[in-house]
């Protein structure tokens, strides 16, 4: 049940050469949370989604798969 956000999160994380654990450490959350976000069984809170987009250097719109324009 991977979501668009989960796919983009994994792709961006891998492009930044971060493991799930490294990203989780930067966000102050458990690695299992990253796994859940990537496979789509859980969505992050707005605050965590903003932090993820900041760490990965992308817009929140891009991260959640929102088409703008």
C-alpha atoms as a PDB file:
ATOM      1  CA  UNK A   1       0.000   0.000   0.000  1.00  0.00           C
ATOM      2  CA  UNK A   2       2.807   2.402  -0.807  1.00  0.00           C
ATOM      3  CA  UNK A   3       1.584   5.963  -1.141  1.00  0.00           C
ATOM      4  CA  UNK A   4       2.967   8.595  -3.477  1.00  0.00           C
ATOM      5  CA  UNK A   5       4.506  10.231  -0.428  1.00  0.00           C
ATOM      6  CA  UNK A   6       6.095   6.946   0.622  1.00  0.00           C
ATOM      7  CA  UNK A   7       7.645   6.466  -2.808  1.00  0.00           C
ATOM      8  CA  UNK A   8       8.987   9.990  -2.903  1.00  0.00           C
ATOM      9  CA  UNK A   9      10.276   9.797   0.658  1.00  0.00           C
ATOM     10  CA  UNK A  10      12.240   6.640  -0.095  1.00  0.00           C
ATOM     11  CA  UNK A  11      13.590   8.004  -3.379  1.00  0.00           C
ATOM     12  CA  UNK A  12      14.678  11.294  -1.828  1.00  0.00           C
ATOM     13  CA  UNK A  13      16.189   9.560   1.216  1.00  0.00           C
ATOM     14  CA  UNK A  14      18.208   7.258  -1.035  1.00  0.00           C
ATOM     15  CA  UNK A  15      19.295  10.172  -3.256  1.00  0.00           C
ATOM     16  CA  UNK A  16      20.680  11.821  -0.108  1.00  0.00           C
ATOM     17  CA  UNK A  17      22.475   8.572   0.784  1.00  0.00           C
ATOM     18  CA  UNK A  18      20.619   8.337   4.086  1.00  0.00           C
ATOM     19  CA  UNK A  19      19.567   5.124   5.755  1.00  0.00           C
ATOM     20  CA  UNK A  20      16.198   4.995   7.444  1.00  0.00           C
ATOM     21  CA  UNK A  21      18.038   5.145  10.776  1.00  0.00           C
ATOM     22  CA  UNK A  22      20.038   8.228   9.796  1.00  0.00           C
ATOM     23  CA  UNK A  23      16.905  10.066   8.670  1.00  0.00           C
ATOM     24  CA  UNK A  24      15.073   9.014  11.827  1.00  0.00           C
ATOM     25  CA  UNK A  25      17.947  10.316  13.949  1.00  0.00           C
ATOM     26  CA  UNK A  26      17.823  13.701  12.184  1.00  0.00           C
ATOM     27  CA  UNK A  27      14.087  13.869  12.869  1.00  0.00           C
ATOM     28  CA  UNK A  28      14.240  12.564  16.438  1.00  0.00           C
ATOM     29  CA  UNK A  29      11.882   9.671  15.720  1.00  0.00           C
ATOM     30  CA  UNK A  30      12.142   5.867  15.612  1.00  0.00           C
ATOM     31  CA  UNK A  31      13.413   4.159  12.452  1.00  0.00           C
ATOM     32  CA  UNK A  32      10.214   2.126  12.375  1.00  0.00           C
ATOM     33  CA  UNK A  33       8.278   5.334  11.751  1.00  0.00           C
ATOM     34  CA  UNK A  34      10.265   5.948   8.569  1.00  0.00           C
ATOM     35  CA  UNK A  35       9.514   2.389   7.462  1.00  0.00           C
ATOM     36  CA  UNK A  36       5.798   2.933   8.071  1.00  0.00           C
ATOM     37  CA  UNK A  37       5.824   6.213   6.138  1.00  0.00           C
ATOM     38  CA  UNK A  38       7.638   4.609   3.197  1.00  0.00           C
ATOM     39  CA  UNK A  39       5.337   1.593   2.944  1.00  0.00           C
ATOM     40  CA  UNK A  40       2.252   3.724   3.494  1.00  0.00           C
ATOM     41  CA  UNK A  41       0.848   2.188   6.670  1.00  0.00           C
ATOM     42  CA  UNK A  42       1.151   5.502   8.497  1.00  0.00           C
ATOM     43  CA  UNK A  43       1.280   9.151   7.521  1.00  0.00           C
ATOM     44  CA  UNK A  44       3.538  11.612   9.357  1.00  0.00           C
ATOM     45  CA  UNK A  45       2.129  14.521  11.274  1.00  0.00           C
ATOM     46  CA  UNK A  46       2.304  17.861   9.506  1.00  0.00           C
ATOM     47  CA  UNK A  47       5.233  18.900  11.706  1.00  0.00           C
ATOM     48  CA  UNK A  48       7.210  15.751  10.862  1.00  0.00           C
ATOM     49  CA  UNK A  49       6.358  16.087   7.140  1.00  0.00           C
ATOM     50  CA  UNK A  50       7.712  19.651   7.191  1.00  0.00           C
ATOM     51  CA  UNK A  51      10.876  18.475   8.951  1.00  0.00           C
ATOM     52  CA  UNK A  52      11.319  15.680   6.399  1.00  0.00           C
ATOM     53  CA  UNK A  53      11.004  18.139   3.512  1.00  0.00           C
ATOM     54  CA  UNK A  54      13.541  20.448   5.193  1.00  0.00           C
ATOM     55  CA  UNK A  55      16.054  17.627   5.744  1.00  0.00           C
ATOM     56  CA  UNK A  56      15.626  16.322   2.190  1.00  0.00           C
ATOM     57  CA  UNK A  57      15.619  19.779   0.601  1.00  0.00           C
ATOM     58  CA  UNK A  58      12.299  19.487  -1.194  1.00  0.00           C
ATOM     59  CA  UNK A  59       8.974  21.238  -0.959  1.00  0.00           C
ATOM     60  CA  UNK A  60       6.174  19.789   1.106  1.00  0.00           C
ATOM     61  CA  UNK A  61       4.023  19.823  -2.047  1.00  0.00           C
ATOM     62  CA  UNK A  62       6.566  17.640  -3.849  1.00  0.00           C
ATOM     63  CA  UNK A  63       6.949  15.270  -0.900  1.00  0.00           C
ATOM     64  CA  UNK A  64       3.221  14.583  -0.624  1.00  0.00           C
ATOM     65  CA  UNK A  65       2.799  14.238  -4.396  1.00  0.00           C
ATOM     66  CA  UNK A  66       0.731  17.367  -4.859  1.00  0.00           C
ATOM     67  CA  UNK A  67       0.683  18.629  -8.407  1.00  0.00           C
ATOM     68  CA  UNK A  68       0.908  22.386  -8.517  1.00  0.00           C
ATOM     69  CA  UNK A  69      -0.009  24.432 -11.533  1.00  0.00           C
END
